[in-house]
Amino acid sequence: MKTITESAFAKLNLTLDVLGKRADGYHDIRSVEQTISLRDDVVVNIGTDAPWALHCYRERISSDNAQESVLDTDGFPQDSDNLAWRAAEAFFLRTDLDPEGFEIFINKRIPMQAGLGGGSADAAAVLRALNRHYGAPLSLPALCELGGTVGSDVPFCTLCGTAVVEGRGELLRPLPPAPEMYFVICKPDFSVSTPELYRKFDEIVPEKRPDHRVMLANLQKGQLLGIGGSLCNVFEPLVMQEHFDINYIKSMMITYGAYGAQMTGSGSAVFGIYDSFEYATVACTMLRERYQNIYLATTV
């Protein structure tokens, strides 16, 4: 049996625009995306004697003993409903390799239904792990293309880094590495239905759309003030109509030193950009007075 470990990094949408609905029912998007150090840990055991198995869990402190941790599986699919499982199926189907027995362990840290691409990151990590184990039968572009058959965010999560993402998420244009930044991420207690959000978006004309060229210029120059000022997500105003927390979290982040703050993806997580660990930790401390799910991350 061979054990392979792979990090599954979360993603942030620095910009996100929806260009229109496609004939296949999906929407074309244009987004500048960035992977961050907030991650799930994925372990794949290949060559087991048992049938396929997947264990997805979050470690938490035991309510009975603060010195012990327990594995919480509540809400995490443990079978083919998990994108990581589907990614493995897609890999073996594409490569015609023998789908020998294997076991996947996913230690979740990325919050669910946050717009951070947690499930997609897990699927991408499984694709990279399997491709590495079998001697890279697929190039990175081919692996990203395969990821697109699993989920819209999987291609970028397979690539990682900084990139312009277009189409349904399958068209990637890698960019030079972004300057080092600190991100404070806050996931409020509510979640947002992505299909419902797209439905609402189809019925409105957005007041503001992102200027991707300005964002790319600021990334190239490494100007954090410009990057923060260029943040734009067309979904954010729609979510803010029903959830004041988004505006509150953004204002708190900016009050405590963020160059800019924005909801990522279809929400509900909000992130702020900082140039120092010290300012970022102060913002984390202040936000923890009201919210539980607070994370500190850097660019990857």
Protein backbone atom coordinates (compact mmCIF):
# COMPACT_ATOMS: atom_id res chain seq x y z
CA MET A 1 0.00 0.00 0.00
CA LYS A 2 1.19 3.50 -0.87
CA THR A 3 0.18 6.59 1.13
CA ILE A 4 0.12 9.99 -0.57
CA THR A 5 -0.64 13.29 1.17
CA GLU A 6 -1.84 16.39 -0.63
CA SER A 7 -2.93 19.83 0.56
CA ALA A 8 -6.30 21.12 -0.63
CA PHE A 9 -6.07 24.91 -0.65
CA ALA A 10 -9.06 27.25 -0.41
CA LYS A 11 -9.61 29.91 -3.07
CA LEU A 12 -10.70 33.53 -3.01
CA ASN A 13 -12.39 35.51 -5.78
CA LEU A 14 -10.62 38.86 -6.00
CA THR A 15 -13.03 39.74 -8.79
CA LEU A 16 -16.14 37.91 -9.95
CA ASP A 17 -18.39 38.84 -12.84
CA VAL A 18 -21.26 36.85 -14.38
CA LEU A 19 -21.39 37.43 -18.13
CA GLY A 20 -24.59 35.59 -19.00
CA LYS A 21 -26.46 32.31 -19.05
CA ARG A 22 -25.33 29.61 -21.44
CA ALA A 23 -27.38 27.22 -23.56
CA ASP A 24 -26.40 24.36 -21.22
CA GLY A 25 -27.94 26.14 -18.23
CA TYR A 26 -24.64 27.19 -16.67
CA HIS A 27 -23.32 30.75 -16.59
CA ASP A 28 -20.18 32.22 -18.12
CA ILE A 29 -18.05 33.98 -15.55
CA ARG A 30 -14.86 36.00 -15.47
CA SER A 31 -12.88 36.05 -12.24
CA VAL A 32 -9.42 36.70 -10.86
CA GLU A 33 -8.82 33.99 -8.30
CA GLN A 34 -6.18 33.30 -5.68
CA THR A 35 -5.37 30.23 -3.61
CA ILE A 36 -4.64 30.78 0.07
CA SER A 37 -2.99 28.82 2.85
CA LEU A 38 -6.27 27.83 4.53
CA ARG A 39 -6.46 24.17 3.58
CA ASP A 40 -7.89 20.71 4.08
CA ASP A 41 -5.47 17.80 4.45
CA VAL A 42 -6.08 14.91 2.04
CA VAL A 43 -4.48 11.49 2.49
CA VAL A 44 -4.92 8.77 -0.14
CA ASN A 45 -4.01 5.14 0.57
CA ILE A 46 -3.63 3.34 -2.76
CA GLY A 47 -3.49 -0.42 -3.15
CA THR A 48 -5.65 -1.42 -0.18
CA ASP A 49 -7.31 -4.83 -0.10
CA ALA A 50 -10.66 -3.33 0.87
CA PRO A 51 -13.17 -1.65 -1.49
CA TRP A 52 -13.09 2.10 -2.03
CA ALA A 53 -13.74 4.11 1.10
CA LEU A 54 -13.85 7.81 1.96
CA HIS A 55 -13.63 9.38 5.42
CA CYS A 56 -14.40 13.11 5.58
CA TYR A 57 -14.33 14.75 8.99
CA ARG A 58 -13.48 17.82 11.03
CA GLU A 59 -11.38 17.58 14.18
CA ARG A 60 -12.83 19.41 17.16
CA ILE A 61 -12.14 19.55 20.87
CA SER A 62 -14.13 17.07 22.93
CA SER A 63 -16.86 18.63 25.06
CA ASP A 64 -15.98 16.15 27.82
CA ASN A 65 -12.21 16.50 27.82
CA ALA A 66 -10.39 19.57 26.52
CA GLN A 67 -7.24 17.46 26.05
CA GLU A 68 -8.94 15.16 23.54
CA SER A 69 -10.19 15.73 20.00
CA VAL A 70 -13.08 14.01 18.28
CA LEU A 71 -13.76 13.46 14.59
CA ASP A 72 -16.99 15.16 13.55
CA THR A 73 -18.46 13.72 10.33
CA ASP A 74 -21.81 15.53 10.51
CA GLY A 75 -22.74 17.06 7.16
CA PHE A 76 -19.75 15.64 5.26
CA PRO A 77 -20.57 13.11 2.47
CA GLN A 78 -18.71 9.83 2.91
CA ASP A 79 -19.47 8.34 -0.50
CA SER A 80 -19.99 9.22 -4.16
CA ASP A 81 -21.84 12.39 -3.16
CA ASN A 82 -18.41 13.79 -2.24
CA LEU A 83 -16.57 15.53 -5.10
CA ALA A 84 -13.34 13.83 -4.02
CA TRP A 85 -14.88 10.42 -4.76
CA ARG A 86 -16.15 11.64 -8.14
CA ALA A 87 -12.68 12.98 -8.96
CA ALA A 88 -11.17 9.53 -8.37
CA GLU A 89 -13.81 7.92 -10.59
CA ALA A 90 -13.13 10.48 -13.34
CA PHE A 91 -9.36 9.93 -13.12
CA PHE A 92 -9.56 6.15 -13.55
CA LEU A 93 -12.13 6.48 -16.32
CA ARG A 94 -9.95 8.95 -18.26
CA THR A 95 -6.66 7.05 -17.83
CA ASP A 96 -8.01 3.48 -18.20
CA LEU A 97 -5.91 2.53 -15.19
CA ASP A 98 -7.00 -0.29 -12.91
CA PRO A 99 -9.09 1.31 -10.14
CA GLU A 100 -7.36 -0.63 -7.38
CA GLY A 101 -8.67 -0.41 -3.87
CA PHE A 102 -7.99 2.84 -2.10
CA GLU A 103 -9.06 4.91 0.87
CA ILE A 104 -9.38 8.69 1.09
CA PHE A 105 -9.11 10.63 4.36
CA ILE A 106 -10.10 14.32 4.32
CA ASN A 107 -9.42 16.44 7.40
CA LYS A 108 -11.66 19.46 6.87
CA ARG A 109 -10.62 22.96 7.86
CA ILE A 110 -12.21 24.96 5.02
CA PRO A 111 -15.78 25.81 6.04
CA MET A 112 -18.60 24.47 3.90
CA GLN A 113 -20.96 26.65 1.83
CA ALA A 114 -18.63 29.61 2.16
CA GLY A 115 -17.56 30.39 -1.42
CA LEU A 116 -14.04 29.13 -0.60
CA GLY A 117 -14.14 26.06 -2.85
CA GLY A 118 -13.54 23.50 -0.09
CA GLY A 119 -15.14 20.50 -1.79
CA SER A 120 -13.55 21.42 -5.11
CA ALA A 121 -10.15 21.76 -3.44
CA ASP A 122 -10.51 18.25 -2.02
CA ALA A 123 -11.38 16.86 -5.46
CA ALA A 124 -8.40 18.66 -6.99
CA ALA A 125 -6.09 17.27 -4.31
CA VAL A 126 -7.25 13.72 -5.10
CA LEU A 127 -6.60 14.31 -8.82
CA ARG A 128 -3.07 15.57 -8.12
CA ALA A 129 -2.36 12.71 -5.71
CA LEU A 130 -3.49 10.01 -8.13
CA ASN A 131 -1.68 11.61 -11.06
CA ARG A 132 1.52 11.78 -9.02
CA HIS A 133 1.21 8.16 -7.88
CA TYR A 134 0.79 6.83 -11.41
CA GLY A 135 3.71 8.76 -12.89
CA ALA A 136 1.80 11.77 -14.27
CA PRO A 137 -0.16 10.18 -17.14
CA LEU A 138 -1.99 13.52 -17.47
CA SER A 139 -0.37 16.89 -17.98
CA LEU A 140 -1.42 19.71 -15.67
CA PRO A 141 -3.69 21.28 -18.34
CA ALA A 142 -5.27 17.86 -18.98
CA LEU A 143 -5.74 17.34 -15.24
CA CYS A 144 -7.43 20.74 -14.96
CA GLU A 145 -9.66 19.90 -17.93
CA LEU A 146 -10.61 16.62 -16.24
CA GLY A 147 -11.40 18.56 -13.08
CA GLY A 148 -13.94 20.56 -15.05
CA THR A 149 -16.02 17.39 -15.51
CA VAL A 150 -16.22 17.07 -11.72
CA GLY A 151 -17.09 20.65 -10.77
CA SER A 152 -16.78 24.25 -11.95
CA ASP A 153 -14.21 25.26 -9.31
CA VAL A 154 -12.10 22.11 -9.60
CA PRO A 155 -9.93 23.26 -12.56
CA PHE A 156 -8.63 26.34 -10.73
CA CYS A 157 -8.22 24.40 -7.47
CA THR A 158 -6.14 21.88 -9.44
CA LEU A 159 -3.94 24.62 -10.90
CA CYS A 160 -3.58 26.76 -7.73
CA GLY A 161 -1.78 30.11 -7.57
CA THR A 162 -3.20 33.22 -9.24
CA ALA A 163 -5.23 33.05 -12.46
CA VAL A 164 -7.97 34.54 -14.60
CA VAL A 165 -10.85 32.06 -14.69
CA GLU A 166 -13.45 32.20 -17.46
CA GLY A 167 -16.19 30.15 -19.11
CA ARG A 168 -17.86 27.83 -16.63
CA GLY A 169 -14.59 27.76 -14.73
CA GLU A 170 -12.70 25.56 -17.19
CA LEU A 171 -10.79 28.32 -18.99
CA LEU A 172 -7.67 29.25 -17.03
CA ARG A 173 -5.02 31.88 -17.67
CA PRO A 174 -2.23 31.56 -15.08
CA LEU A 175 -0.78 34.81 -13.79
CA PRO A 176 2.54 35.61 -12.09
CA PRO A 177 2.43 34.96 -8.34
CA ALA A 178 0.53 37.60 -6.40
CA PRO A 179 2.42 39.69 -3.84
CA GLU A 180 2.43 38.34 -0.31
CA MET A 181 -0.76 39.29 1.50
CA TYR A 182 -2.46 38.33 4.73
CA PHE A 183 -6.13 37.44 4.56
CA VAL A 184 -8.64 37.42 7.37
CA ILE A 185 -11.61 35.23 6.46
CA CYS A 186 -14.89 35.34 8.37
CA LYS A 187 -17.69 32.84 7.71
CA PRO A 188 -20.97 34.06 9.26
CA ASP A 189 -23.51 31.53 10.50
CA PHE A 190 -25.73 31.63 7.41
CA SER A 191 -25.12 30.08 3.99
CA VAL A 192 -26.30 31.06 0.50
CA SER A 193 -27.90 28.90 -2.18
CA THR A 194 -25.74 29.29 -5.29
CA PRO A 195 -28.49 28.28 -7.79
CA GLU A 196 -30.91 30.72 -6.16
CA LEU A 197 -28.31 33.48 -6.29
CA TYR A 198 -27.76 32.92 -10.02
CA ARG A 199 -31.53 32.99 -10.54
CA LYS A 200 -31.78 36.35 -8.78
CA PHE A 201 -28.82 37.70 -10.73
CA ASP A 202 -30.52 36.83 -14.03
CA GLU A 203 -33.34 39.20 -13.06
CA ILE A 204 -31.26 42.31 -12.35
CA VAL A 205 -28.74 44.59 -13.99
CA PRO A 206 -25.71 44.93 -11.71
CA GLU A 207 -24.86 48.46 -10.66
CA LYS A 208 -21.14 47.74 -10.70
CA ARG A 209 -18.95 45.22 -12.47
CA PRO A 210 -15.30 44.48 -11.76
CA ASP A 211 -12.55 46.09 -13.80
CA HIS A 212 -10.32 43.07 -14.34
CA ARG A 213 -7.63 45.05 -16.17
CA VAL A 214 -7.18 47.35 -13.19
CA MET A 215 -7.00 44.38 -10.83
CA LEU A 216 -4.38 42.68 -13.03
CA ALA A 217 -2.31 45.87 -13.20
CA ASN A 218 -2.38 46.23 -9.41
CA LEU A 219 -1.41 42.59 -8.94
CA GLN A 220 1.51 43.04 -11.34
CA LYS A 221 2.69 46.14 -9.48
CA GLY A 222 2.19 44.49 -6.10
CA GLN A 223 0.11 47.43 -4.88
CA LEU A 224 -2.04 46.13 -2.03
CA LEU A 225 -3.98 49.38 -1.76
CA GLY A 226 -4.89 49.10 -5.44
CA ILE A 227 -5.74 45.42 -5.11
CA GLY A 228 -8.03 46.17 -2.19
CA GLY A 229 -9.66 49.01 -4.10
CA SER A 230 -10.21 46.79 -7.17
CA LEU A 231 -12.12 44.07 -5.34
CA CYS A 232 -15.55 43.52 -6.85
CA ASN A 233 -18.05 40.64 -6.70
CA VAL A 234 -21.36 41.08 -8.53
CA PHE A 235 -23.08 38.66 -6.13
CA GLU A 236 -22.23 40.67 -3.04
CA PRO A 237 -24.98 43.34 -3.29
CA LEU A 238 -27.63 40.64 -3.72
CA VAL A 239 -26.52 38.81 -0.58
CA MET A 240 -26.20 42.04 1.38
CA GLN A 241 -29.87 42.80 0.69
CA GLU A 242 -30.87 39.97 3.03
CA HIS A 243 -27.81 39.62 5.25
CA PHE A 244 -26.46 42.75 6.93
CA ASP A 245 -23.62 40.67 8.39
CA ILE A 246 -21.72 40.96 5.10
CA ASN A 247 -21.58 44.75 5.35
CA TYR A 248 -20.81 44.62 9.07
CA ILE A 249 -17.89 42.20 8.62
CA LYS A 250 -16.48 44.28 5.76
CA SER A 251 -16.65 47.48 7.80
CA MET A 252 -14.99 45.81 10.79
CA MET A 253 -12.16 44.51 8.61
CA ILE A 254 -11.55 47.93 7.06
CA THR A 255 -11.76 49.63 10.47
CA TYR A 256 -8.95 47.38 11.68
CA GLY A 257 -6.59 47.94 8.80
CA ALA A 258 -7.78 46.03 5.73
CA TYR A 259 -6.88 47.52 2.34
CA GLY A 260 -10.18 46.15 1.10
CA ALA A 261 -12.80 43.55 2.01
CA GLN A 262 -15.27 41.51 -0.01
CA MET A 263 -17.47 38.42 -0.07
CA THR A 264 -15.91 35.53 -1.99
CA GLY A 265 -17.75 33.43 -4.58
CA SER A 266 -21.44 33.06 -3.85
CA GLY A 267 -20.73 33.54 -0.16
CA SER A 268 -21.12 33.66 2.63
CA ALA A 269 -17.46 34.06 3.67
CA VAL A 270 -15.95 37.56 3.64
CA PHE A 271 -12.21 38.26 3.41
CA GLY A 272 -10.05 41.28 4.11
CA ILE A 273 -6.58 42.03 2.72
CA TYR A 274 -3.77 43.08 5.10
CA ASP A 275 -0.10 43.86 4.71
CA SER A 276 0.99 42.68 8.15
CA PHE A 277 0.40 39.73 10.45
CA GLU A 278 -0.11 42.09 13.39
CA TYR A 279 -3.01 44.03 11.83
CA ALA A 280 -4.58 40.80 10.63
CA THR A 281 -4.48 39.20 14.08
CA VAL A 282 -6.08 42.27 15.65
CA ALA A 283 -8.93 42.04 13.12
CA CYS A 284 -9.32 38.33 13.92
CA THR A 285 -9.55 39.10 17.63
CA MET A 286 -12.21 41.76 17.16
CA LEU A 287 -14.31 39.63 14.81
CA ARG A 288 -14.22 36.67 17.22
CA GLU A 289 -16.30 38.70 19.65
CA ARG A 290 -19.25 38.11 17.33
CA TYR A 291 -18.34 35.25 14.95
CA GLN A 292 -16.93 31.77 15.53
CA ASN A 293 -15.46 30.86 12.14
CA ILE A 294 -12.46 33.19 11.72
CA TYR A 295 -9.33 32.23 9.77
CA LEU A 296 -5.97 33.84 9.03
CA ALA A 297 -4.21 32.90 5.78
CA THR A 298 -1.60 34.03 3.29
CA THR A 299 -1.15 33.73 -0.48
CA VAL A 300 -0.05 30.36 -1.89
